[in-house]
Amino acid sequence: ATDLYFATLADGKVWRIPSVSAPTPGAAEVFAEGLSAPNGIAVDEKNVYIANRGNGTILYKPKTAGASDPAKVIAAGQKNPGHILVSGTNLIWVNEGPSKTDAQEGSIVKFDVSKL
């Protein structure tokens, strides 16, 4: 069965619904909390990756981690990270761009997750 992950920006949480493809899926449970506007999620065989828009970080947490286990930072100082995807060993995210006072434009970033 497949788990479903989703974020709620206002309360800074990522949720998991276990066994969503089963005839009777599990109830939604908190997977990660204390985040800053989680805006994008990508999932591979081992980990859940989170674009944390509010503080410009990219985080990851093993799927097997408990709710109280903190997510680990992969990258900091990102410019409004949003869309994120994982393909093979590549994690790719979009920095949607700067605040109104910052002159630097957005970017697309690739990160090798094979050593996590």
C-alpha atoms as a PDB file:
ATOM      1  CA  ALA A   1       0.000   0.000   0.000  1.00  0.00           C
ATOM      2  CA  THR A   2       1.075   3.567  -0.643  1.00  0.00           C
ATOM      3  CA  ASP A   3       1.214   6.404   1.879  1.00  0.00           C
ATOM      4  CA  LEU A   4       0.051   9.908   0.948  1.00  0.00           C
ATOM      5  CA  TYR A   5       1.916  12.972   2.239  1.00  0.00           C
ATOM      6  CA  PHE A   6       0.577  16.525   2.224  1.00  0.00           C
ATOM      7  CA  ALA A   7       1.492  19.847   3.816  1.00  0.00           C
ATOM      8  CA  THR A   8      -0.542  22.490   5.585  1.00  0.00           C
ATOM      9  CA  LEU A   9       1.230  25.827   5.304  1.00  0.00           C
ATOM     10  CA  ALA A  10      -0.625  27.706   8.020  1.00  0.00           C
ATOM     11  CA  ASP A  11       0.309  25.343  10.851  1.00  0.00           C
ATOM     12  CA  GLY A  12       3.709  24.219   9.510  1.00  0.00           C
ATOM     13  CA  LYS A  13       2.940  20.508   9.364  1.00  0.00           C
ATOM     14  CA  VAL A  14       3.412  17.631   6.957  1.00  0.00           C
ATOM     15  CA  TRP A  15       0.828  14.873   7.295  1.00  0.00           C
ATOM     16  CA  ARG A  16       0.783  11.227   6.268  1.00  0.00           C
ATOM     17  CA  ILE A  17      -2.196   9.042   5.434  1.00  0.00           C
ATOM     18  CA  PRO A  18      -0.968   5.438   5.671  1.00  0.00           C
ATOM     19  CA  SER A  19      -2.028   2.802   3.168  1.00  0.00           C
ATOM     20  CA  VAL A  20      -4.071   5.232   1.083  1.00  0.00           C
ATOM     21  CA  SER A  21      -4.567   2.614  -1.650  1.00  0.00           C
ATOM     22  CA  ALA A  22      -5.988   0.037   0.789  1.00  0.00           C
ATOM     23  CA  PRO A  23      -9.757  -0.512   1.025  1.00  0.00           C
ATOM     24  CA  THR A  24      -9.617   1.218   4.422  1.00  0.00           C
ATOM     25  CA  PRO A  25      -6.795   3.797   4.563  1.00  0.00           C
ATOM     26  CA  GLY A  26      -5.357   4.870   7.894  1.00  0.00           C
ATOM     27  CA  ALA A  27      -6.243   8.157   9.566  1.00  0.00           C
ATOM     28  CA  ALA A  28      -4.172  11.253   8.823  1.00  0.00           C
ATOM     29  CA  GLU A  29      -1.205  11.540  11.210  1.00  0.00           C
ATOM     30  CA  VAL A  30       1.407  14.246  11.706  1.00  0.00           C
ATOM     31  CA  PHE A  31       4.678  13.261  10.006  1.00  0.00           C
ATOM     32  CA  ALA A  32       6.649  16.498  10.625  1.00  0.00           C
ATOM     33  CA  GLU A  33       5.812  19.704  12.457  1.00  0.00           C
ATOM     34  CA  GLY A  34       7.382  22.995  13.484  1.00  0.00           C
ATOM     35  CA  LEU A  35       8.095  23.818   9.839  1.00  0.00           C
ATOM     36  CA  SER A  36       7.960  27.238   8.199  1.00  0.00           C
ATOM     37  CA  ALA A  37       5.354  27.215   5.415  1.00  0.00           C
ATOM     38  CA  PRO A  38       6.112  23.785   3.907  1.00  0.00           C
ATOM     39  CA  ASN A  39       5.317  24.361   0.248  1.00  0.00           C
ATOM     40  CA  GLY A  40       6.425  21.285  -1.682  1.00  0.00           C
ATOM     41  CA  ILE A  41       6.900  17.580  -1.015  1.00  0.00           C
ATOM     42  CA  ALA A  42       8.726  14.845  -2.933  1.00  0.00           C
ATOM     43  CA  VAL A  43       8.930  11.190  -1.922  1.00  0.00           C
ATOM     44  CA  ASP A  44      11.299   8.388  -2.931  1.00  0.00           C
ATOM     45  CA  GLU A  45      11.793   4.850  -1.609  1.00  0.00           C
ATOM     46  CA  LYS A  46      13.508   6.012   1.612  1.00  0.00           C
ATOM     47  CA  ASN A  47      12.786   9.664   2.323  1.00  0.00           C
ATOM     48  CA  VAL A  48      10.310  12.521   2.255  1.00  0.00           C
ATOM     49  CA  TYR A  49      11.763  15.837   1.008  1.00  0.00           C
ATOM     50  CA  ILE A  50      10.203  19.162   1.984  1.00  0.00           C
ATOM     51  CA  ALA A  51      10.590  22.632   0.466  1.00  0.00           C
ATOM     52  CA  ASN A  52      10.258  24.866   3.519  1.00  0.00           C
ATOM     53  CA  ARG A  53       9.304  28.170   1.888  1.00  0.00           C
ATOM     54  CA  GLY A  54       9.014  30.266   5.039  1.00  0.00           C
ATOM     55  CA  ASN A  55      12.667  30.028   6.065  1.00  0.00           C
ATOM     56  CA  GLY A  56      14.289  29.038   2.750  1.00  0.00           C
ATOM     57  CA  THR A  57      15.346  25.501   3.629  1.00  0.00           C
ATOM     58  CA  ILE A  58      15.124  22.105   1.950  1.00  0.00           C
ATOM     59  CA  LEU A  59      14.632  19.304   4.455  1.00  0.00           C
ATOM     60  CA  TYR A  60      14.382  15.543   4.453  1.00  0.00           C
ATOM     61  CA  LYS A  61      13.118  12.914   6.821  1.00  0.00           C
ATOM     62  CA  PRO A  62      13.219   9.126   6.466  1.00  0.00           C
ATOM     63  CA  LYS A  63       9.797   7.606   5.844  1.00  0.00           C
ATOM     64  CA  THR A  64      10.361   5.350   8.852  1.00  0.00           C
ATOM     65  CA  ALA A  65      10.998   8.281  11.233  1.00  0.00           C
ATOM     66  CA  GLY A  66       8.578   9.035  14.016  1.00  0.00           C
ATOM     67  CA  ALA A  67       6.563  12.226  14.235  1.00  0.00           C
ATOM     68  CA  SER A  68       8.873  13.617  16.940  1.00  0.00           C
ATOM     69  CA  ASP A  69      12.051  12.948  14.920  1.00  0.00           C
ATOM     70  CA  PRO A  70      13.194  16.259  13.407  1.00  0.00           C
ATOM     71  CA  ALA A  71      13.668  16.735   9.680  1.00  0.00           C
ATOM     72  CA  LYS A  72      17.284  17.343   8.594  1.00  0.00           C
ATOM     73  CA  VAL A  73      18.436  20.314   6.515  1.00  0.00           C
ATOM     74  CA  ILE A  74      19.819  19.606   3.035  1.00  0.00           C
ATOM     75  CA  ALA A  75      20.093  23.237   1.923  1.00  0.00           C
ATOM     76  CA  ALA A  76      19.580  26.636   3.575  1.00  0.00           C
ATOM     77  CA  GLY A  77      19.432  30.172   2.189  1.00  0.00           C
ATOM     78  CA  GLN A  78      17.084  29.264  -0.672  1.00  0.00           C
ATOM     79  CA  LYS A  79      14.862  31.929  -2.250  1.00  0.00           C
ATOM     80  CA  ASN A  80      11.225  30.918  -1.665  1.00  0.00           C
ATOM     81  CA  PRO A  81      11.610  27.214  -2.508  1.00  0.00           C
ATOM     82  CA  GLY A  82       8.451  25.718  -3.953  1.00  0.00           C
ATOM     83  CA  HIS A  83       8.088  22.885  -6.423  1.00  0.00           C
ATOM     84  CA  ILE A  84      10.299  19.913  -5.617  1.00  0.00           C
ATOM     85  CA  LEU A  85      10.763  16.485  -7.199  1.00  0.00           C
ATOM     86  CA  VAL A  86      12.997  13.466  -6.858  1.00  0.00           C
ATOM     87  CA  SER A  87      14.036  11.259  -9.768  1.00  0.00           C
ATOM     88  CA  GLY A  88      16.582   8.517  -9.177  1.00  0.00           C
ATOM     89  CA  THR A  89      19.333  10.121  -7.124  1.00  0.00           C
ATOM     90  CA  ASN A  90      18.466  13.683  -8.147  1.00  0.00           C
ATOM     91  CA  LEU A  91      16.456  16.017  -5.961  1.00  0.00           C
ATOM     92  CA  ILE A  92      15.443  19.107  -7.917  1.00  0.00           C
ATOM     93  CA  TRP A  93      13.667  22.171  -6.588  1.00  0.00           C
ATOM     94  CA  VAL A  94      12.635  25.579  -7.838  1.00  0.00           C
ATOM     95  CA  ASN A  95      13.619  28.709  -5.967  1.00  0.00           C
ATOM     96  CA  GLU A  96      10.737  30.911  -7.033  1.00  0.00           C
ATOM     97  CA  GLY A  97      12.690  34.079  -6.511  1.00  0.00           C
ATOM     98  CA  PRO A  98      13.572  36.868  -4.159  1.00  0.00           C
ATOM     99  CA  SER A  99      11.606  39.118  -1.905  1.00  0.00           C
ATOM    100  CA  LYS A 100      10.773  42.588  -3.215  1.00  0.00           C
ATOM    101  CA  THR A 101      13.976  43.999  -1.691  1.00  0.00           C
ATOM    102  CA  ASP A 102      16.353  41.368  -3.104  1.00  0.00           C
ATOM    103  CA  ALA A 103      17.825  41.811  -6.593  1.00  0.00           C
ATOM    104  CA  GLN A 104      18.739  38.155  -7.183  1.00  0.00           C
ATOM    105  CA  GLU A 105      16.402  36.110  -9.398  1.00  0.00           C
ATOM    106  CA  GLY A 106      15.068  32.589  -8.816  1.00  0.00           C
ATOM    107  CA  SER A 107      16.823  29.358  -9.813  1.00  0.00           C
ATOM    108  CA  ILE A 108      16.529  25.610 -10.297  1.00  0.00           C
ATOM    109  CA  VAL A 109      18.747  23.525  -8.028  1.00  0.00           C
ATOM    110  CA  LYS A 110      19.829  19.877  -8.338  1.00  0.00           C
ATOM    111  CA  PHE A 111      21.120  17.895  -5.360  1.00  0.00           C
ATOM    112  CA  ASP A 112      22.440  14.298  -5.225  1.00  0.00           C
ATOM    113  CA  VAL A 113      20.525  12.369  -2.554  1.00  0.00           C
ATOM    114  CA  SER A 114      22.429   9.103  -2.970  1.00  0.00           C
ATOM    115  CA  LYS A 115      24.577   9.740   0.120  1.00  0.00           C
ATOM    116  CA  LEU A 116      21.771  10.620   2.541  1.00  0.00           C
END
